Amino acid sequence: MTIRTRLSLAVASWCLAAVALVLPLAWLINTRDWGVALMLVVPFAVYGLLRLGHALEGWARAMPPPSGQ
């Protein structure tokens, strides 16, 4: 697997995770009376997405082990 492929997979994975987390959170904040309390969750969600992005970048940029010489 090439580095370019791994980067593409990492970006796609992060985008899917971000959409899966942010859309329901924003919908609940907007449509429920108690949704305002979810604003306390938002910084943790953003922090989690940042950590996920960092981990995916590390995975994507990791050098594959050398094949048999």
Protein backbone atom coordinates (compact mmCIF):
# COMPACT_ATOMS: atom_id res chain seq x y z
CA MET A 1 0.00 0.00 0.00
CA THR A 2 1.50 3.30 -1.02
CA ILE A 3 1.74 6.35 1.22
CA ARG A 4 -0.65 8.24 -1.05
CA THR A 5 -3.27 5.50 -0.65
CA ARG A 6 -2.79 5.47 3.12
CA LEU A 7 -3.17 9.25 3.26
CA SER A 8 -6.36 9.07 1.22
CA LEU A 9 -7.76 6.37 3.50
CA ALA A 10 -6.80 8.37 6.58
CA VAL A 11 -8.49 11.53 5.30
CA ALA A 12 -11.62 9.62 4.26
CA SER A 13 -11.78 7.85 7.63
CA TRP A 14 -11.42 11.11 9.52
CA CYS A 15 -14.10 12.80 7.41
CA LEU A 16 -16.53 9.95 8.02
CA ALA A 17 -15.84 10.03 11.75
CA ALA A 18 -16.26 13.82 11.86
CA VAL A 19 -19.57 13.71 10.01
CA ALA A 20 -20.81 10.81 12.13
CA LEU A 21 -20.00 12.75 15.30
CA VAL A 22 -20.79 16.35 14.41
CA LEU A 23 -24.07 15.95 12.52
CA PRO A 24 -26.01 14.16 15.28
CA LEU A 25 -24.47 16.41 17.93
CA ALA A 26 -25.44 19.57 16.05
CA TRP A 27 -28.92 18.20 15.33
CA LEU A 28 -29.52 17.38 18.99
CA ILE A 29 -28.24 20.78 20.13
CA ASN A 30 -30.53 22.49 17.64
CA THR A 31 -33.72 20.47 18.10
CA ARG A 32 -33.92 19.46 21.78
CA ASP A 33 -34.58 21.68 24.76
CA TRP A 34 -31.86 19.89 26.69
CA GLY A 35 -29.54 20.13 23.68
CA VAL A 36 -27.90 23.24 25.08
CA ALA A 37 -26.37 21.03 27.77
CA LEU A 38 -24.61 19.14 24.98
CA MET A 39 -22.51 22.24 24.35
CA LEU A 40 -20.44 20.97 27.27
CA VAL A 41 -19.64 17.87 25.20
CA VAL A 42 -18.48 19.79 22.11
CA PRO A 43 -14.93 20.59 23.31
CA PHE A 44 -14.35 16.92 24.11
CA ALA A 45 -15.70 15.88 20.71
CA VAL A 46 -13.39 18.34 18.96
CA TYR A 47 -10.44 17.17 21.05
CA GLY A 48 -11.26 13.56 20.14
CA LEU A 49 -11.38 14.42 16.46
CA LEU A 50 -8.02 16.17 16.73
CA ARG A 51 -6.49 13.13 18.44
CA LEU A 52 -8.00 10.83 15.82
CA GLY A 53 -6.56 12.99 13.05
CA HIS A 54 -3.14 12.90 14.64
CA ALA A 55 -3.26 9.12 15.05
CA LEU A 56 -4.42 8.63 11.46
CA GLU A 57 -1.67 10.89 10.18
CA GLY A 58 0.90 8.85 12.08
CA TRP A 59 -0.51 5.67 10.59
CA ALA A 60 -0.57 7.09 7.09
CA ARG A 61 2.99 8.43 7.20
CA ALA A 62 4.54 5.37 8.87
CA MET A 63 7.13 3.70 6.71
CA PRO A 64 6.14 0.16 5.80
CA PRO A 65 8.57 -2.52 6.90
CA PRO A 66 11.09 -3.39 4.20
CA SER A 67 10.17 -6.41 2.17
CA GLY A 68 12.57 -9.36 1.97
CA GLN A 69 15.87 -8.24 0.52
